[in-house]
């Protein structure tokens, strides 16, 4: 067992992943702040105009998919490193993330 532990500790790939976990953790920390700003702005836009800003809605979708890619990677749910090591979610190329198709939204009762 001691030999296995020594081999595991010397595994460069594990330490490299640890470094990426720290880097993507810092990126994720900033993403949360940006996402909250988008939430607040979209809420204010909805209150004032009655509709959402379409450009921000698309940007928000890509950003939340990127956050999910980061979470999947740092929690060992995925071996694929997030952007910039793979395509940005919603960029039109395959490379992880969820589908960017909009789900049908239920209309509020009239």
N, C-alpha and C. Protein backbone atom coordinates (compact mmCIF):
# COMPACT_ATOMS: atom_id res chain seq x y z
N UNK A 1 0.82 -1.20 0.00
CA UNK A 1 0.00 0.00 0.00
C UNK A 1 0.86 1.26 0.00
N UNK A 2 1.96 1.23 0.72
CA UNK A 2 2.83 2.40 0.76
C UNK A 2 3.38 2.74 -0.61
N UNK A 3 3.66 1.72 -1.43
CA UNK A 3 4.18 1.96 -2.78
C UNK A 3 3.12 2.66 -3.63
N UNK A 4 1.86 2.27 -3.48
CA UNK A 4 0.78 2.92 -4.23
C UNK A 4 0.63 4.37 -3.84
N UNK A 5 0.73 4.65 -2.56
CA UNK A 5 0.61 6.03 -2.09
C UNK A 5 1.74 6.87 -2.65
N UNK A 6 2.95 6.34 -2.63
CA UNK A 6 4.10 7.07 -3.17
C UNK A 6 3.92 7.34 -4.66
N UNK A 7 3.42 6.34 -5.40
CA UNK A 7 3.19 6.53 -6.83
C UNK A 7 2.11 7.58 -7.07
N UNK A 8 1.05 7.53 -6.27
CA UNK A 8 -0.04 8.49 -6.43
C UNK A 8 0.42 9.91 -6.13
N UNK A 9 1.25 10.06 -5.12
CA UNK A 9 1.75 11.39 -4.75
C UNK A 9 2.67 11.95 -5.84
N UNK A 10 3.37 11.08 -6.53
CA UNK A 10 4.29 11.51 -7.59
C UNK A 10 3.61 11.70 -8.94
N UNK A 11 2.32 11.41 -9.03
CA UNK A 11 1.59 11.52 -10.29
C UNK A 11 1.45 12.99 -10.68
N UNK A 12 2.12 13.37 -11.74
CA UNK A 12 2.14 14.76 -12.20
C UNK A 12 0.75 15.20 -12.66
N UNK A 13 0.01 14.29 -13.30
CA UNK A 13 -1.33 14.64 -13.79
C UNK A 13 -2.26 15.06 -12.65
N UNK A 14 -2.15 14.39 -11.52
CA UNK A 14 -2.99 14.75 -10.37
C UNK A 14 -2.64 16.14 -9.86
N UNK A 15 -1.36 16.45 -9.77
CA UNK A 15 -0.95 17.77 -9.30
C UNK A 15 -1.32 18.86 -10.30
N UNK A 16 -1.22 18.53 -11.59
CA UNK A 16 -1.61 19.49 -12.62
C UNK A 16 -3.11 19.77 -12.53
N UNK A 17 -3.89 18.72 -12.30
CA UNK A 17 -5.34 18.92 -12.14
C UNK A 17 -5.60 19.79 -10.91
N UNK A 18 -4.86 19.56 -9.83
CA UNK A 18 -5.02 20.38 -8.64
C UNK A 18 -4.76 21.85 -8.93
N UNK A 19 -3.75 22.13 -9.74
CA UNK A 19 -3.46 23.51 -10.13
C UNK A 19 -4.62 24.09 -10.92
N UNK A 20 -5.15 23.32 -11.88
CA UNK A 20 -6.29 23.79 -12.66
C UNK A 20 -7.54 23.98 -11.80
N UNK A 21 -7.70 23.14 -10.80
CA UNK A 21 -8.84 23.30 -9.89
C UNK A 21 -8.76 24.64 -9.18
N UNK A 22 -7.57 25.01 -8.74
CA UNK A 22 -7.40 26.31 -8.07
C UNK A 22 -7.66 27.45 -9.05
N UNK A 23 -7.10 27.36 -10.25
CA UNK A 23 -7.29 28.42 -11.25
C UNK A 23 -8.76 28.57 -11.60
N UNK A 24 -9.42 27.45 -11.91
CA UNK A 24 -10.83 27.52 -12.29
C UNK A 24 -11.71 27.89 -11.09
N UNK A 25 -11.27 27.58 -9.89
CA UNK A 25 -12.01 28.01 -8.70
C UNK A 25 -12.02 29.53 -8.58
N UNK A 26 -10.89 30.15 -8.86
CA UNK A 26 -10.81 31.62 -8.84
C UNK A 26 -11.68 32.21 -9.94
N UNK A 27 -11.62 31.63 -11.14
CA UNK A 27 -12.46 32.10 -12.24
C UNK A 27 -13.93 31.98 -11.87
N UNK A 28 -14.30 30.85 -11.26
CA UNK A 28 -15.69 30.62 -10.87
C UNK A 28 -16.14 31.66 -9.84
N UNK A 29 -15.25 32.01 -8.93
CA UNK A 29 -15.57 33.02 -7.91
C UNK A 29 -15.97 34.34 -8.58
N UNK A 30 -15.24 34.76 -9.59
CA UNK A 30 -15.57 35.99 -10.30
C UNK A 30 -16.84 35.83 -11.15
N UNK A 31 -17.03 34.64 -11.71
CA UNK A 31 -18.24 34.39 -12.51
C UNK A 31 -19.50 34.57 -11.68
N UNK A 32 -19.47 34.14 -10.44
CA UNK A 32 -20.64 34.27 -9.58
C UNK A 32 -21.02 35.75 -9.44
N UNK A 33 -20.05 36.61 -9.25
CA UNK A 33 -20.32 38.05 -9.15
C UNK A 33 -20.92 38.60 -10.43
N UNK A 34 -20.36 38.18 -11.56
CA UNK A 34 -20.88 38.65 -12.86
C UNK A 34 -22.30 38.14 -13.07
N UNK A 35 -22.54 36.89 -12.72
CA UNK A 35 -23.89 36.32 -12.87
C UNK A 35 -24.89 37.09 -12.02
N UNK A 36 -24.52 37.44 -10.80
CA UNK A 36 -25.44 38.21 -9.94
C UNK A 36 -25.72 39.59 -10.53
N UNK A 37 -24.72 40.22 -11.12
CA UNK A 37 -24.95 41.51 -11.78
C UNK A 37 -25.93 41.36 -12.93
N UNK A 38 -25.78 40.29 -13.70
CA UNK A 38 -26.71 40.02 -14.80
C UNK A 38 -28.12 39.77 -14.29
N UNK A 39 -28.23 39.03 -13.20
CA UNK A 39 -29.54 38.75 -12.60
C UNK A 39 -30.23 40.05 -12.21
N UNK A 40 -29.50 40.90 -11.52
CA UNK A 40 -30.07 42.18 -11.06
C UNK A 40 -30.46 43.05 -12.25
N UNK A 41 -29.58 43.14 -13.25
CA UNK A 41 -29.87 43.97 -14.41
C UNK A 41 -31.08 43.44 -15.17
N UNK A 42 -31.15 42.12 -15.37
CA UNK A 42 -32.29 41.54 -16.08
C UNK A 42 -33.58 41.75 -15.30
N UNK A 43 -33.53 41.66 -13.98
CA UNK A 43 -34.72 41.88 -13.17
C UNK A 43 -35.20 43.32 -13.32
N UNK A 44 -34.28 44.27 -13.23
CA UNK A 44 -34.64 45.68 -13.38
C UNK A 44 -35.19 45.93 -14.78
N UNK A 45 -34.56 45.35 -15.79
CA UNK A 45 -35.05 45.49 -17.16
C UNK A 45 -36.46 44.94 -17.30
N UNK A 46 -36.71 43.79 -16.70
CA UNK A 46 -38.04 43.17 -16.76
C UNK A 46 -39.08 44.04 -16.06
N UNK A 47 -38.72 44.62 -14.92
CA UNK A 47 -39.65 45.48 -14.18
C UNK A 47 -39.97 46.73 -14.99
N UNK A 48 -38.97 47.33 -15.61
CA UNK A 48 -39.16 48.60 -16.32
C UNK A 48 -39.83 48.40 -17.68
N UNK A 49 -39.32 47.44 -18.47
CA UNK A 49 -39.81 47.29 -19.85
C UNK A 49 -40.82 46.16 -20.02
N UNK A 50 -40.89 45.26 -19.07
CA UNK A 50 -41.80 44.12 -19.19
C UNK A 50 -41.22 42.96 -19.99
N UNK A 51 -39.98 43.10 -20.47
CA UNK A 51 -39.35 42.01 -21.21
C UNK A 51 -37.86 41.97 -20.89
N UNK A 52 -37.23 40.87 -21.27
CA UNK A 52 -35.81 40.70 -21.00
C UNK A 52 -34.96 41.24 -22.14
N UNK A 53 -33.73 41.59 -21.83
CA UNK A 53 -32.75 41.99 -22.83
C UNK A 53 -32.24 40.72 -23.51
N UNK A 54 -32.52 40.57 -24.81
CA UNK A 54 -32.19 39.33 -25.52
C UNK A 54 -30.69 39.07 -25.59
N UNK A 55 -29.90 40.12 -25.81
CA UNK A 55 -28.45 39.93 -25.88
C UNK A 55 -27.90 39.44 -24.54
N UNK A 56 -28.38 40.04 -23.46
CA UNK A 56 -27.92 39.59 -22.15
C UNK A 56 -28.42 38.20 -21.82
N UNK A 57 -29.59 37.85 -22.32
CA UNK A 57 -30.12 36.51 -22.10
C UNK A 57 -29.22 35.46 -22.76
N UNK A 58 -28.77 35.74 -23.98
CA UNK A 58 -27.85 34.83 -24.68
C UNK A 58 -26.50 34.76 -23.96
N UNK A 59 -26.00 35.93 -23.56
CA UNK A 59 -24.73 35.97 -22.84
C UNK A 59 -24.83 35.22 -21.52
N UNK A 60 -25.93 35.42 -20.80
CA UNK A 60 -26.15 34.74 -19.53
C UNK A 60 -26.19 33.23 -19.70
N UNK A 61 -26.82 32.79 -20.78
CA UNK A 61 -26.90 31.35 -21.04
C UNK A 61 -25.51 30.74 -21.22
N UNK A 62 -24.68 31.38 -22.02
CA UNK A 62 -23.32 30.90 -22.22
C UNK A 62 -22.50 30.94 -20.94
N UNK A 63 -22.69 32.00 -20.16
CA UNK A 63 -21.93 32.16 -18.92
C UNK A 63 -22.31 31.10 -17.89
N UNK A 64 -23.60 30.82 -17.77
CA UNK A 64 -24.02 29.79 -16.80
C UNK A 64 -23.59 28.40 -17.26
N UNK A 65 -23.56 28.16 -18.57
CA UNK A 65 -23.06 26.88 -19.07
C UNK A 65 -21.56 26.75 -18.80
N UNK A 66 -20.85 27.86 -18.92
CA UNK A 66 -19.42 27.86 -18.61
C UNK A 66 -19.19 27.57 -17.13
N UNK A 67 -20.00 28.18 -16.27
CA UNK A 67 -19.90 27.92 -14.83
C UNK A 67 -20.15 26.44 -14.55
N UNK A 68 -21.11 25.85 -15.25
CA UNK A 68 -21.39 24.42 -15.08
C UNK A 68 -20.21 23.57 -15.54
N UNK A 69 -19.57 23.96 -16.64
CA UNK A 69 -18.37 23.24 -17.10
C UNK A 69 -17.29 23.27 -16.02
N UNK A 70 -17.11 24.42 -15.41
CA UNK A 70 -16.10 24.55 -14.36
C UNK A 70 -16.45 23.65 -13.19
N UNK A 71 -17.71 23.70 -12.75
CA UNK A 71 -18.12 22.86 -11.62
C UNK A 71 -17.96 21.38 -11.93
N UNK A 72 -18.31 20.97 -13.14
CA UNK A 72 -18.14 19.57 -13.53
C UNK A 72 -16.67 19.17 -13.47
N UNK A 73 -15.79 20.05 -13.91
CA UNK A 73 -14.36 19.72 -13.93
C UNK A 73 -13.79 19.66 -12.51
N UNK A 74 -14.06 20.66 -11.69
CA UNK A 74 -13.44 20.70 -10.36
C UNK A 74 -14.02 19.65 -9.41
N UNK A 75 -15.23 19.15 -9.70
CA UNK A 75 -15.81 18.10 -8.86
C UNK A 75 -15.60 16.71 -9.46
N UNK A 76 -14.72 16.62 -10.46
CA UNK A 76 -14.33 15.36 -11.10
C UNK A 76 -15.49 14.67 -11.80
N UNK A 77 -16.47 15.44 -12.24
CA UNK A 77 -17.57 14.88 -13.03
C UNK A 77 -17.22 14.85 -14.51
N UNK A 78 -16.16 15.56 -14.89
CA UNK A 78 -15.72 15.63 -16.28
C UNK A 78 -14.21 15.71 -16.32
N UNK A 79 -13.63 15.09 -17.33
CA UNK A 79 -12.19 15.17 -17.53
C UNK A 79 -11.83 16.29 -18.51
N UNK A 80 -12.83 16.89 -19.13
CA UNK A 80 -12.61 17.94 -20.12
C UNK A 80 -12.39 19.27 -19.42
N UNK A 81 -11.25 19.88 -19.68
CA UNK A 81 -10.98 21.19 -19.08
C UNK A 81 -11.87 22.23 -19.74
N UNK A 82 -12.42 23.13 -18.94
CA UNK A 82 -13.28 24.19 -19.50
C UNK A 82 -12.50 25.17 -20.36
N UNK A 83 -13.25 26.08 -20.99
CA UNK A 83 -12.67 27.16 -21.79
C UNK A 83 -11.58 27.84 -20.98
N UNK A 84 -10.43 28.13 -21.51
CA UNK A 84 -10.01 28.21 -22.91
C UNK A 84 -9.40 26.93 -23.45
N UNK A 85 -9.47 25.82 -22.71
CA UNK A 85 -8.91 24.55 -23.18
C UNK A 85 -9.90 23.76 -24.02
N UNK A 86 -11.14 24.18 -24.03
CA UNK A 86 -12.17 23.59 -24.88
C UNK A 86 -13.04 24.74 -25.38
N UNK A 87 -13.88 24.50 -26.37
CA UNK A 87 -14.70 25.59 -26.91
C UNK A 87 -15.61 26.21 -25.85
N UNK A 88 -15.85 27.50 -26.00
CA UNK A 88 -16.76 28.20 -25.09
C UNK A 88 -18.17 27.68 -25.32
N UNK A 89 -18.93 27.42 -24.26
CA UNK A 89 -20.29 26.91 -24.43
C UNK A 89 -21.16 27.84 -25.26
N UNK A 90 -21.91 27.26 -26.17
CA UNK A 90 -22.79 28.06 -27.01
C UNK A 90 -22.09 28.73 -28.16
N UNK A 91 -20.82 28.37 -28.40
CA UNK A 91 -20.07 29.01 -29.49
C UNK A 91 -20.36 28.37 -30.84
N UNK A 92 -21.23 27.35 -30.84
CA UNK A 92 -21.59 26.71 -32.09
C UNK A 92 -20.75 25.48 -32.41
N UNK A 93 -19.67 25.25 -31.65
CA UNK A 93 -18.87 24.05 -31.85
C UNK A 93 -19.17 23.08 -30.73
N UNK A 94 -19.01 21.80 -31.02
CA UNK A 94 -19.27 20.82 -29.96
C UNK A 94 -18.08 20.82 -29.02
N UNK A 95 -18.38 20.65 -27.74
CA UNK A 95 -17.29 20.66 -26.78
C UNK A 95 -17.78 20.77 -25.37
N UNK A 96 -18.87 20.10 -25.07
CA UNK A 96 -19.34 20.10 -23.70
C UNK A 96 -20.38 21.15 -23.45
N UNK A 97 -20.84 21.16 -22.24
CA UNK A 97 -21.89 22.10 -21.89
C UNK A 97 -23.24 21.56 -22.27
N UNK A 98 -24.25 22.21 -21.86
CA UNK A 98 -25.61 21.80 -22.14
C UNK A 98 -26.07 22.41 -23.46
N UNK A 99 -27.16 21.90 -23.95
CA UNK A 99 -27.74 22.42 -25.18
C UNK A 99 -28.15 23.86 -24.97
N UNK A 100 -27.96 24.67 -26.01
CA UNK A 100 -28.33 26.08 -25.89
C UNK A 100 -29.75 26.34 -26.36
N UNK A 101 -30.49 25.25 -26.70
CA UNK A 101 -31.87 25.45 -27.11
C UNK A 101 -32.69 25.95 -25.94
N UNK A 102 -33.58 26.88 -26.24
CA UNK A 102 -34.44 27.42 -25.19
C UNK A 102 -35.53 26.42 -24.88
N UNK A 103 -35.83 26.30 -23.62
CA UNK A 103 -36.94 25.46 -23.21
C UNK A 103 -38.21 26.27 -23.38
N UNK A 104 -39.31 25.57 -23.62
CA UNK A 104 -40.58 26.26 -23.74
C UNK A 104 -40.93 26.88 -22.41
N UNK A 105 -41.21 28.16 -22.44
CA UNK A 105 -41.57 28.87 -21.22
C UNK A 105 -43.08 28.91 -21.12
N UNK A 106 -43.58 28.59 -19.96
CA UNK A 106 -45.02 28.64 -19.75
C UNK A 106 -45.47 30.09 -19.71
N UNK A 107 -46.52 30.37 -20.41
CA UNK A 107 -47.06 31.73 -20.42
C UNK A 107 -47.80 31.97 -19.11
N UNK A 108 -47.64 33.14 -18.52
CA UNK A 108 -48.37 33.43 -17.29
C UNK A 108 -49.86 33.54 -17.59
N UNK A 109 -50.70 33.17 -16.61
CA UNK A 109 -52.14 33.25 -16.84
C UNK A 109 -52.57 34.69 -17.10
N UNK A 110 -53.53 34.85 -18.00
CA UNK A 110 -53.99 36.19 -18.37
C UNK A 110 -55.01 36.72 -17.41
